[in-house]
Structures are given as structure tokens and as C-alpha cells.
Amino acid sequence: SDGTSVSVPTLKISGTAYDPISGIKKVEVKIDSGAFQIATGTTAWTFNTDSLSDGTHTVQIRVTDNAGNVFTGLAITFTVNTAPTGLTAIALDENKISLVWTSPLMETGSIIGYKIERESPIGGGWHIIISNTGNAVPTYTDTGLTAGTVYNYRVYTIYSDHTSAPSNTASAKTSVLVLSLQ
């Protein structure tokens, strides 16, 4: 339906078409500004999309009956969001920050890892600290950090066929090591 948000990059779009007088010749589907492509079936039809990027997309259906009449349906928009959500950064001590996020709901095996970026000093630009965690576990501990420093983080989901947009940004400040001399 219009305005739907999905967390998968490939979709199976389906519907029904009916013409009691001449019957349905073909159903076509158009994604964004691409060309119309033939769906499988006519009265009950399906169409599988290619992998779609994160963001808003538009789908339009065109039905041709056996008499040559063409009906072009209204455009429906939907949003693909395969990026992690709810990223939280928690300082564990003066040189460690723990990251936790919510993984997108995906079919088993499609997430092959996460790319993690860090920014420090703030405004100094993003740098990849791990290009691929190699697993689908939505946690990571960044170590070897400087005491009393603020770090920004963002995470990307790596799939077998694409990498998502970045998650939200999360910040944490490492604690300051206090020594007591007696």
C-alpha cells in the first residue's frame, strides 16, 4: 500500500486484474523511472523486483486487455530501509566503547556482516574502523581509544548483493582514568 516501509531490498509485488468482456492480455510493472516490464500471469499476477537501494521508490502498474485498452494505475510509493536502526554507543571504560544496534529483519543468511565507521575528533570526517565484521551479530566493542574523548559511530549492513545506507549516529565519551597516589 502507499507509504509502506519495507526492510528487504527485493520485493515480490502481486495483484489481480479483471476484464469480464475481453480478458486481460498483459500486466506490466514499472519501478521508479525504469521501463515497464511484463509481470508473470494476468488475472492473478506477480513481479519480482531487482535489488532496490535504500530510499523511496515508486511502483506503477499498467494493464492491457485483449481489446487493446490500456489502464495505467496510480503510482504507489514505498520506502526501502535495510540500514541498522537504534545504534547506541556506551563507554565501558577509558579505552573501550560498546556499540549495539537493531538489525534489519531480513531473510536468513542475507546479512554477511556490518561496516563500522568512527568520527573523532567530531567534525574531523568518518573513517572505517572495520570494513566487515564477518557476522550478523549486531554488537561491536571498539578498543584502544583515548581516555576522555568523544567518538561518533555509524553502522552499515552488508548483504550479499549490496551495502545499506548508514544507521543513525551514536556518540559516547570514554571515561577519564583517575589515579590516586598515597
N, C-alpha and C. Protein backbone atom coordinates (compact mmCIF):
# COMPACT_ATOMS: atom_id res chain seq x y z
N SER A 1 0.84 -1.18 0.00
CA SER A 1 0.00 0.00 0.00
C SER A 1 0.89 1.25 0.00
N ASP A 2 0.30 2.34 -0.36
CA ASP A 2 1.05 3.59 -0.48
C ASP A 2 1.65 3.98 0.87
N GLY A 3 2.93 4.37 0.84
CA GLY A 3 3.60 4.81 2.04
C GLY A 3 4.20 3.71 2.89
N THR A 4 4.17 2.48 2.42
CA THR A 4 4.71 1.35 3.16
C THR A 4 6.22 1.45 3.29
N SER A 5 6.75 0.96 4.41
CA SER A 5 8.19 0.86 4.60
C SER A 5 8.54 -0.61 4.70
N VAL A 6 9.56 -1.03 3.94
CA VAL A 6 9.98 -2.44 3.93
C VAL A 6 11.46 -2.52 4.28
N SER A 7 11.87 -3.66 4.84
CA SER A 7 13.28 -3.82 5.23
C SER A 7 13.97 -4.88 4.39
N VAL A 8 13.48 -5.10 3.19
CA VAL A 8 14.13 -6.03 2.27
C VAL A 8 14.41 -5.31 0.96
N PRO A 9 15.54 -5.59 0.31
CA PRO A 9 15.87 -4.88 -0.92
C PRO A 9 15.20 -5.44 -2.17
N THR A 10 14.67 -6.68 -2.10
CA THR A 10 13.96 -7.25 -3.23
C THR A 10 12.53 -7.56 -2.79
N LEU A 11 11.59 -7.28 -3.68
CA LEU A 11 10.18 -7.43 -3.35
C LEU A 11 9.47 -8.30 -4.37
N LYS A 12 8.44 -9.00 -3.91
CA LYS A 12 7.51 -9.70 -4.79
C LYS A 12 6.22 -8.91 -4.76
N ILE A 13 5.92 -8.27 -5.87
CA ILE A 13 4.71 -7.45 -5.99
C ILE A 13 3.66 -8.32 -6.67
N SER A 14 2.45 -8.33 -6.15
CA SER A 14 1.40 -9.15 -6.75
C SER A 14 0.08 -8.41 -6.73
N GLY A 15 -0.83 -8.89 -7.57
CA GLY A 15 -2.15 -8.27 -7.64
C GLY A 15 -3.07 -9.08 -8.52
N THR A 16 -4.25 -8.53 -8.73
CA THR A 16 -5.23 -9.17 -9.62
C THR A 16 -5.74 -8.13 -10.61
N ALA A 17 -6.10 -8.59 -11.77
CA ALA A 17 -6.69 -7.74 -12.81
C ALA A 17 -7.89 -8.50 -13.39
N TYR A 18 -8.93 -7.75 -13.78
CA TYR A 18 -10.15 -8.41 -14.24
C TYR A 18 -10.78 -7.59 -15.35
N ASP A 19 -11.11 -8.23 -16.43
CA ASP A 19 -11.87 -7.63 -17.54
C ASP A 19 -12.86 -8.67 -18.02
N PRO A 20 -14.14 -8.54 -17.65
CA PRO A 20 -15.12 -9.58 -17.98
C PRO A 20 -15.51 -9.63 -19.46
N ILE A 21 -15.16 -8.61 -20.23
CA ILE A 21 -15.58 -8.57 -21.64
C ILE A 21 -14.52 -9.18 -22.55
N SER A 22 -13.30 -8.65 -22.55
CA SER A 22 -12.29 -9.16 -23.49
C SER A 22 -11.18 -9.97 -22.81
N GLY A 23 -11.06 -9.88 -21.49
CA GLY A 23 -9.99 -10.58 -20.78
C GLY A 23 -8.72 -9.75 -20.75
N ILE A 24 -7.77 -10.18 -19.94
CA ILE A 24 -6.52 -9.45 -19.75
C ILE A 24 -5.45 -10.04 -20.67
N LYS A 25 -4.79 -9.16 -21.44
CA LYS A 25 -3.69 -9.59 -22.32
C LYS A 25 -2.36 -9.60 -21.58
N LYS A 26 -2.07 -8.52 -20.82
CA LYS A 26 -0.79 -8.46 -20.09
C LYS A 26 -0.87 -7.45 -18.96
N VAL A 27 -0.02 -7.70 -17.97
CA VAL A 27 0.17 -6.78 -16.86
C VAL A 27 1.65 -6.40 -16.85
N GLU A 28 1.92 -5.10 -16.71
CA GLU A 28 3.30 -4.61 -16.70
C GLU A 28 3.54 -3.80 -15.42
N VAL A 29 4.78 -3.83 -14.97
CA VAL A 29 5.17 -3.14 -13.74
C VAL A 29 6.36 -2.24 -14.05
N LYS A 30 6.31 -1.03 -13.50
CA LYS A 30 7.40 -0.06 -13.67
C LYS A 30 7.85 0.37 -12.28
N ILE A 31 9.16 0.28 -12.03
CA ILE A 31 9.75 0.74 -10.78
C ILE A 31 10.52 2.02 -11.05
N ASP A 32 10.19 3.07 -10.32
CA ASP A 32 10.82 4.38 -10.45
C ASP A 32 10.74 4.86 -11.90
N SER A 33 11.84 5.29 -12.49
CA SER A 33 11.81 5.82 -13.86
C SER A 33 12.21 4.76 -14.88
N GLY A 34 12.26 3.49 -14.46
CA GLY A 34 12.61 2.41 -15.39
C GLY A 34 11.51 2.16 -16.40
N ALA A 35 11.75 1.19 -17.26
CA ALA A 35 10.77 0.82 -18.28
C ALA A 35 9.74 -0.14 -17.69
N PHE A 36 8.56 -0.18 -18.28
CA PHE A 36 7.57 -1.18 -17.89
C PHE A 36 8.09 -2.55 -18.25
N GLN A 37 7.91 -3.51 -17.34
CA GLN A 37 8.33 -4.90 -17.57
C GLN A 37 7.13 -5.82 -17.36
N ILE A 38 7.08 -6.90 -18.12
CA ILE A 38 5.96 -7.84 -18.07
C ILE A 38 5.96 -8.61 -16.75
N ALA A 39 4.80 -8.64 -16.10
CA ALA A 39 4.61 -9.44 -14.89
C ALA A 39 4.28 -10.87 -15.30
N THR A 40 4.42 -11.79 -14.36
CA THR A 40 4.05 -13.19 -14.59
C THR A 40 2.57 -13.34 -14.28
N GLY A 41 1.80 -13.84 -15.24
CA GLY A 41 0.37 -14.02 -15.05
C GLY A 41 -0.41 -12.82 -15.53
N THR A 42 -1.74 -12.97 -15.56
CA THR A 42 -2.60 -11.87 -15.99
C THR A 42 -3.66 -11.55 -14.94
N THR A 43 -4.67 -12.42 -14.77
CA THR A 43 -5.70 -12.10 -13.79
C THR A 43 -5.14 -12.14 -12.37
N ALA A 44 -4.30 -13.10 -12.07
CA ALA A 44 -3.51 -13.12 -10.84
C ALA A 44 -2.05 -13.02 -11.30
N TRP A 45 -1.36 -11.96 -10.92
CA TRP A 45 -0.03 -11.71 -11.45
C TRP A 45 0.97 -11.44 -10.33
N THR A 46 2.26 -11.64 -10.64
CA THR A 46 3.35 -11.35 -9.71
C THR A 46 4.51 -10.73 -10.48
N PHE A 47 5.32 -9.99 -9.76
CA PHE A 47 6.52 -9.39 -10.33
C PHE A 47 7.57 -9.32 -9.25
N ASN A 48 8.76 -9.84 -9.52
CA ASN A 48 9.89 -9.79 -8.58
C ASN A 48 10.83 -8.67 -8.99
N THR A 49 11.11 -7.77 -8.05
CA THR A 49 12.00 -6.65 -8.34
C THR A 49 13.46 -7.11 -8.28
N ASP A 50 14.32 -6.32 -8.90
CA ASP A 50 15.75 -6.47 -8.68
C ASP A 50 16.03 -5.88 -7.30
N SER A 51 17.27 -5.94 -6.85
CA SER A 51 17.64 -5.37 -5.56
C SER A 51 17.48 -3.85 -5.64
N LEU A 52 16.72 -3.29 -4.71
CA LEU A 52 16.47 -1.86 -4.69
C LEU A 52 17.34 -1.18 -3.62
N SER A 53 17.78 0.02 -3.90
CA SER A 53 18.59 0.77 -2.95
C SER A 53 17.71 1.29 -1.81
N ASP A 54 18.32 1.62 -0.69
CA ASP A 54 17.58 2.25 0.40
C ASP A 54 17.02 3.58 -0.11
N GLY A 55 15.82 3.90 0.34
CA GLY A 55 15.19 5.16 -0.04
C GLY A 55 13.79 4.93 -0.56
N THR A 56 13.19 6.01 -1.07
CA THR A 56 11.82 5.96 -1.57
C THR A 56 11.79 5.52 -3.03
N HIS A 57 10.85 4.63 -3.33
CA HIS A 57 10.67 4.12 -4.70
C HIS A 57 9.20 4.24 -5.08
N THR A 58 8.95 4.21 -6.37
CA THR A 58 7.59 4.29 -6.89
C THR A 58 7.32 3.09 -7.77
N VAL A 59 6.15 2.47 -7.61
CA VAL A 59 5.73 1.37 -8.47
C VAL A 59 4.45 1.78 -9.19
N GLN A 60 4.40 1.46 -10.47
CA GLN A 60 3.20 1.75 -11.27
C GLN A 60 2.84 0.49 -12.05
N ILE A 61 1.55 0.20 -12.14
CA ILE A 61 1.06 -0.98 -12.85
C ILE A 61 0.32 -0.52 -14.10
N ARG A 62 0.54 -1.25 -15.20
CA ARG A 62 -0.17 -0.97 -16.45
C ARG A 62 -0.79 -2.28 -16.93
N VAL A 63 -2.10 -2.25 -17.21
CA VAL A 63 -2.83 -3.45 -17.64
C VAL A 63 -3.40 -3.21 -19.03
N THR A 64 -3.18 -4.18 -19.93
CA THR A 64 -3.72 -4.11 -21.28
C THR A 64 -4.70 -5.27 -21.46
N ASP A 65 -5.92 -4.95 -21.93
CA ASP A 65 -6.88 -6.04 -22.17
C ASP A 65 -6.74 -6.54 -23.60
N ASN A 66 -7.45 -7.60 -23.92
CA ASN A 66 -7.35 -8.22 -25.25
C ASN A 66 -7.93 -7.34 -26.35
N ALA A 67 -8.70 -6.30 -26.00
CA ALA A 67 -9.24 -5.36 -26.99
C ALA A 67 -8.27 -4.20 -27.24
N GLY A 68 -7.16 -4.18 -26.52
CA GLY A 68 -6.16 -3.13 -26.72
C GLY A 68 -6.32 -1.93 -25.80
N ASN A 69 -7.30 -1.96 -24.91
CA ASN A 69 -7.46 -0.87 -23.94
C ASN A 69 -6.35 -0.97 -22.90
N VAL A 70 -5.81 0.18 -22.52
CA VAL A 70 -4.72 0.22 -21.55
C VAL A 70 -5.17 1.02 -20.32
N PHE A 71 -4.97 0.44 -19.16
CA PHE A 71 -5.24 1.14 -17.90
C PHE A 71 -3.92 1.26 -17.16
N THR A 72 -3.57 2.49 -16.85
CA THR A 72 -2.37 2.73 -16.05
C THR A 72 -2.81 3.17 -14.67
N GLY A 73 -2.47 2.34 -13.69
CA GLY A 73 -2.88 2.62 -12.31
C GLY A 73 -2.11 3.78 -11.71
N LEU A 74 -2.60 4.24 -10.59
CA LEU A 74 -1.94 5.30 -9.86
C LEU A 74 -0.58 4.82 -9.35
N ALA A 75 0.35 5.72 -9.22
CA ALA A 75 1.67 5.38 -8.69
C ALA A 75 1.57 5.22 -7.17
N ILE A 76 2.24 4.23 -6.64
CA ILE A 76 2.31 3.98 -5.20
C ILE A 76 3.76 4.08 -4.79
N THR A 77 4.02 4.79 -3.70
CA THR A 77 5.39 4.92 -3.21
C THR A 77 5.60 4.04 -1.99
N PHE A 78 6.81 3.57 -1.84
CA PHE A 78 7.20 2.78 -0.68
C PHE A 78 8.66 3.10 -0.38
N THR A 79 9.08 2.80 0.83
CA THR A 79 10.45 3.10 1.25
C THR A 79 11.16 1.80 1.61
N VAL A 80 12.37 1.63 1.08
CA VAL A 80 13.22 0.51 1.44
C VAL A 80 14.22 1.03 2.47
N ASN A 81 14.28 0.37 3.62
CA ASN A 81 15.26 0.74 4.64
C ASN A 81 15.91 -0.54 5.16
N THR A 82 17.08 -0.84 4.65
CA THR A 82 17.82 -2.03 5.07
C THR A 82 18.95 -1.67 6.03
N ALA A 83 19.00 -0.40 6.43
CA ALA A 83 20.05 0.06 7.34
C ALA A 83 19.74 -0.36 8.78
N PRO A 84 20.78 -0.53 9.58
CA PRO A 84 20.55 -0.79 11.00
C PRO A 84 19.86 0.41 11.66
N THR A 85 19.16 0.16 12.74
CA THR A 85 18.48 1.23 13.47
C THR A 85 18.85 1.14 14.94
N GLY A 86 18.55 2.20 15.66
CA GLY A 86 18.73 2.19 17.11
C GLY A 86 20.15 2.03 17.59
N LEU A 87 21.13 2.52 16.81
CA LEU A 87 22.53 2.41 17.24
C LEU A 87 22.74 3.16 18.55
N THR A 88 23.36 2.48 19.51
CA THR A 88 23.68 3.06 20.82
C THR A 88 25.16 2.82 21.10
N ALA A 89 25.84 3.85 21.61
CA ALA A 89 27.25 3.74 21.99
C ALA A 89 27.34 3.94 23.50
N ILE A 90 28.04 3.03 24.18
CA ILE A 90 28.17 3.09 25.64
C ILE A 90 29.65 2.95 25.99
N ALA A 91 30.18 3.95 26.71
CA ALA A 91 31.57 3.88 27.15
C ALA A 91 31.69 2.83 28.25
N LEU A 92 32.61 1.90 28.08
CA LEU A 92 32.83 0.85 29.08
C LEU A 92 33.91 1.24 30.08
N ASP A 93 34.92 1.96 29.61
CA ASP A 93 35.99 2.46 30.47
C ASP A 93 36.76 3.52 29.70
N GLU A 94 37.99 3.79 30.10
CA GLU A 94 38.75 4.87 29.45
C GLU A 94 39.23 4.55 28.04
N ASN A 95 39.14 3.29 27.59
CA ASN A 95 39.61 2.98 26.23
C ASN A 95 38.70 2.02 25.46
N LYS A 96 37.45 1.85 25.91
CA LYS A 96 36.52 0.95 25.21
C LYS A 96 35.13 1.55 25.12
N ILE A 97 34.51 1.40 23.94
CA ILE A 97 33.11 1.79 23.74
C ILE A 97 32.40 0.60 23.10
N SER A 98 31.26 0.26 23.67
CA SER A 98 30.43 -0.83 23.16
C SER A 98 29.35 -0.26 22.26
N LEU A 99 29.15 -0.88 21.10
CA LEU A 99 28.11 -0.48 20.16
C LEU A 99 27.07 -1.59 20.08
N VAL A 100 25.81 -1.20 20.09
CA VAL A 100 24.69 -2.14 19.96
C VAL A 100 23.67 -1.49 19.03
N TRP A 101 23.10 -2.29 18.12
CA TRP A 101 22.10 -1.76 17.19
C TRP A 101 21.06 -2.83 16.91
N THR A 102 20.00 -2.43 16.24
CA THR A 102 18.95 -3.36 15.83
C THR A 102 19.19 -3.70 14.37
N SER A 103 19.23 -4.99 14.10
CA SER A 103 19.46 -5.48 12.75
C SER A 103 18.16 -5.44 11.96
N PRO A 104 18.22 -5.10 10.67
CA PRO A 104 17.00 -5.15 9.85
C PRO A 104 16.45 -6.58 9.81
N LEU A 105 15.15 -6.69 9.67
CA LEU A 105 14.52 -8.01 9.56
C LEU A 105 14.72 -8.50 8.13
N MET A 106 15.58 -9.48 7.98
CA MET A 106 15.91 -9.98 6.65
C MET A 106 15.80 -11.49 6.64
N GLU A 107 15.70 -12.04 5.43
CA GLU A 107 15.69 -13.48 5.31
C GLU A 107 17.03 -14.05 5.82
N THR A 108 16.99 -15.23 6.40
CA THR A 108 18.17 -15.86 6.98
C THR A 108 19.30 -15.95 5.97
N GLY A 109 20.49 -15.58 6.40
CA GLY A 109 21.67 -15.71 5.56
C GLY A 109 21.97 -14.54 4.66
N SER A 110 21.08 -13.55 4.58
CA SER A 110 21.33 -12.46 3.64
C SER A 110 22.29 -11.41 4.21
N ILE A 111 22.39 -11.29 5.55
CA ILE A 111 23.33 -10.35 6.16
C ILE A 111 24.66 -11.08 6.33
N ILE A 112 25.72 -10.52 5.72
CA ILE A 112 27.03 -11.18 5.82
C ILE A 112 27.98 -10.44 6.76
N GLY A 113 27.55 -9.26 7.24
CA GLY A 113 28.38 -8.52 8.18
C GLY A 113 27.96 -7.08 8.28
N TYR A 114 28.76 -6.31 8.98
CA TYR A 114 28.49 -4.88 9.17
C TYR A 114 29.78 -4.09 8.96
N LYS A 115 29.64 -2.92 8.35
CA LYS A 115 30.76 -1.98 8.23
C LYS A 115 30.55 -0.93 9.32
N ILE A 116 31.62 -0.61 10.06
CA ILE A 116 31.51 0.34 11.16
C ILE A 116 32.47 1.50 10.91
N GLU A 117 31.94 2.72 11.05
CA GLU A 117 32.74 3.93 10.89
C GLU A 117 32.76 4.71 12.21
N ARG A 118 33.86 5.43 12.41
CA ARG A 118 34.05 6.24 13.61
C ARG A 118 34.49 7.64 13.19
N GLU A 119 34.05 8.64 13.95
CA GLU A 119 34.46 10.01 13.72
C GLU A 119 35.00 10.58 15.03
N SER A 120 36.24 10.98 15.01
CA SER A 120 36.85 11.67 16.15
C SER A 120 38.17 12.27 15.66
N PRO A 121 38.39 13.54 15.84
CA PRO A 121 37.53 14.47 16.54
C PRO A 121 36.22 14.71 15.78
N ILE A 122 35.20 15.14 16.52
CA ILE A 122 33.90 15.41 15.92
C ILE A 122 34.07 16.47 14.84
N GLY A 123 33.55 16.18 13.67
CA GLY A 123 33.70 17.08 12.52
C GLY A 123 34.96 16.81 11.73
N GLY A 124 35.77 15.83 12.17
CA GLY A 124 37.02 15.52 11.50
C GLY A 124 36.90 14.52 10.36
N GLY A 125 35.69 14.06 10.09
CA GLY A 125 35.47 13.12 8.99
C GLY A 125 35.35 11.69 9.48
N TRP A 126 34.66 10.89 8.73
CA TRP A 126 34.41 9.49 9.07
C TRP A 126 35.52 8.60 8.55
N HIS A 127 35.88 7.59 9.36
CA HIS A 127 36.91 6.63 8.98
C HIS A 127 36.39 5.23 9.28
N ILE A 128 36.64 4.32 8.37
CA ILE A 128 36.22 2.93 8.56
C ILE A 128 37.13 2.30 9.62
N ILE A 129 36.51 1.75 10.68
CA ILE A 129 37.32 1.05 11.68
C ILE A 129 37.24 -0.46 11.49
N ILE A 130 36.20 -0.93 10.82
CA ILE A 130 36.12 -2.34 10.42
C ILE A 130 35.28 -2.39 9.15
N SER A 131 35.85 -2.97 8.09
CA SER A 131 35.16 -2.99 6.80
C SER A 131 34.10 -4.07 6.72
N ASN A 132 34.24 -5.14 7.51
CA ASN A 132 33.22 -6.19 7.53
C ASN A 132 33.44 -7.02 8.79
N THR A 133 32.44 -7.03 9.67
CA THR A 133 32.55 -7.81 10.90
C THR A 133 32.55 -9.31 10.61
N GLY A 134 32.04 -9.70 9.44
CA GLY A 134 32.03 -11.11 9.06
C GLY A 134 30.96 -11.94 9.75
N ASN A 135 30.03 -11.28 10.44
CA ASN A 135 28.93 -12.00 11.07
C ASN A 135 27.71 -11.08 11.17
N ALA A 136 26.57 -11.66 11.52
CA ALA A 136 25.32 -10.90 11.60
C ALA A 136 24.98 -10.50 13.03
N VAL A 137 25.96 -10.55 13.93
CA VAL A 137 25.74 -10.18 15.33
C VAL A 137 25.74 -8.65 15.44
N PRO A 138 24.65 -8.03 15.94
CA PRO A 138 24.54 -6.57 15.96
C PRO A 138 25.20 -5.91 17.17
N THR A 139 26.45 -6.27 17.43
CA THR A 139 27.23 -5.64 18.51
C THR A 139 28.68 -5.56 18.10
N TYR A 140 29.39 -4.61 18.69
CA TYR A 140 30.83 -4.47 18.43
C TYR A 140 31.43 -3.67 19.57
N THR A 141 32.65 -4.01 19.99
CA THR A 141 33.36 -3.23 21.00
C THR A 141 34.60 -2.63 20.37
N ASP A 142 34.66 -1.30 20.40
CA ASP A 142 35.80 -0.56 19.87
C ASP A 142 36.79 -0.36 21.01
N THR A 143 38.03 -0.80 20.81
CA THR A 143 39.05 -0.76 21.87
C THR A 143 40.24 0.10 21.45
N GLY A 144 41.13 0.35 22.40
CA GLY A 144 42.34 1.13 22.12
C GLY A 144 42.07 2.61 21.96
N LEU A 145 41.01 3.11 22.57
CA LEU A 145 40.62 4.51 22.44
C LEU A 145 41.34 5.38 23.46
N THR A 146 41.23 6.68 23.30
CA THR A 146 41.87 7.64 24.18
C THR A 146 40.89 8.06 25.28
N ALA A 147 41.36 8.09 26.51
CA ALA A 147 40.52 8.48 27.66
C ALA A 147 40.00 9.91 27.51
N GLY A 148 38.75 10.11 27.95
CA GLY A 148 38.16 11.45 27.94
C GLY A 148 37.87 12.01 26.57
N THR A 149 37.67 11.15 25.57
CA THR A 149 37.44 11.59 24.19
C THR A 149 36.05 11.18 23.72
N VAL A 150 35.39 12.07 22.96
CA VAL A 150 34.08 11.78 22.39
C VAL A 150 34.28 11.15 21.01
N TYR A 151 33.54 10.07 20.77
CA TYR A 151 33.58 9.36 19.48
C TYR A 151 32.16 9.24 18.92
N ASN A 152 32.02 9.50 17.62
CA ASN A 152 30.76 9.26 16.90
C ASN A 152 30.90 7.95 16.14
N TYR A 153 29.79 7.23 15.99
CA TYR A 153 29.78 5.97 15.24
C TYR A 153 28.56 5.90 14.33
N ARG A 154 28.71 5.12 13.25
CA ARG A 154 27.59 4.73 12.41
C ARG A 154 27.90 3.36 11.83
N VAL A 155 26.85 2.61 11.50
CA VAL A 155 26.99 1.22 11.07
C VAL A 155 26.21 1.02 9.77
N TYR A 156 26.75 0.20 8.88
CA TYR A 156 26.09 -0.17 7.63
C TYR A 156 25.89 -1.69 7.64
N THR A 157 24.77 -2.16 7.10
CA THR A 157 24.56 -3.60 6.94
C THR A 157 25.14 -4.03 5.60
N ILE A 158 25.93 -5.11 5.61
CA ILE A 158 26.49 -5.66 4.37
C ILE A 158 25.69 -6.91 4.01
N TYR A 159 25.08 -6.87 2.84
CA TYR A 159 24.32 -8.01 2.32
C TYR A 159 25.12 -8.67 1.22
N SER A 160 24.67 -9.81 0.76
CA SER A 160 25.38 -10.50 -0.31
C SER A 160 25.33 -9.70 -1.62
N ASP A 161 24.33 -8.80 -1.77
CA ASP A 161 24.20 -8.07 -3.03
C ASP A 161 24.30 -6.55 -2.92
N HIS A 162 24.42 -5.99 -1.71
CA HIS A 162 24.57 -4.54 -1.56
C HIS A 162 24.93 -4.20 -0.12
N THR A 163 25.29 -2.95 0.08
CA THR A 163 25.54 -2.41 1.42
C THR A 163 24.51 -1.32 1.66
N SER A 164 23.93 -1.31 2.85
CA SER A 164 22.86 -0.37 3.17
C SER A 164 23.37 1.05 3.33
N ALA A 165 22.44 1.94 3.50
CA ALA A 165 22.74 3.30 3.92
C ALA A 165 23.21 3.23 5.38
N PRO A 166 23.79 4.29 5.92
CA PRO A 166 24.25 4.23 7.31
C PRO A 166 23.10 4.28 8.31
N SER A 167 23.38 3.75 9.49
CA SER A 167 22.45 3.84 10.61
C SER A 167 22.41 5.28 11.12
N ASN A 168 21.65 5.47 12.18
CA ASN A 168 21.72 6.73 12.90
C ASN A 168 23.14 6.88 13.48
N THR A 169 23.50 8.07 13.89
CA THR A 169 24.79 8.31 14.52
C THR A 169 24.62 8.22 16.04
N ALA A 170 25.57 7.57 16.69
CA ALA A 170 25.57 7.48 18.15
C ALA A 170 26.93 7.96 18.66
N SER A 171 26.91 8.60 19.82
CA SER A 171 28.13 9.15 20.42
C SER A 171 28.33 8.63 21.82
N ALA A 172 29.60 8.54 22.23
CA ALA A 172 29.95 8.21 23.61
C ALA A 172 31.30 8.84 23.90
N LYS A 173 31.50 9.14 25.19
CA LYS A 173 32.77 9.70 25.65
C LYS A 173 33.42 8.70 26.59
N THR A 174 34.65 8.35 26.26
CA THR A 174 35.38 7.43 27.14
C THR A 174 35.62 8.10 28.49
N SER A 175 35.69 7.30 29.52
CA SER A 175 35.90 7.85 30.86
C SER A 175 37.35 8.30 31.00
N VAL A 176 37.58 9.08 32.02
CA VAL A 176 38.92 9.60 32.30
C VAL A 176 39.52 8.74 33.40
N LEU A 177 40.72 8.28 33.17
CA LEU A 177 41.43 7.46 34.15
C LEU A 177 41.89 8.37 35.29
N VAL A 178 41.49 8.01 36.50
CA VAL A 178 41.88 8.79 37.67
C VAL A 178 42.84 7.95 38.52
N LEU A 179 44.01 8.49 38.76
CA LEU A 179 45.00 7.81 39.61
C LEU A 179 45.05 8.48 40.97
N SER A 180 45.13 7.68 41.95
CA SER A 180 45.21 8.21 43.30
C SER A 180 46.56 7.78 43.88
N LEU A 181 47.36 8.76 44.26
CA LEU A 181 48.66 8.47 44.86
C LEU A 181 48.56 8.59 46.37
N GLN A 182 49.12 7.62 47.06
CA GLN A 182 49.05 7.66 48.53
C GLN A 182 50.42 7.58 49.11
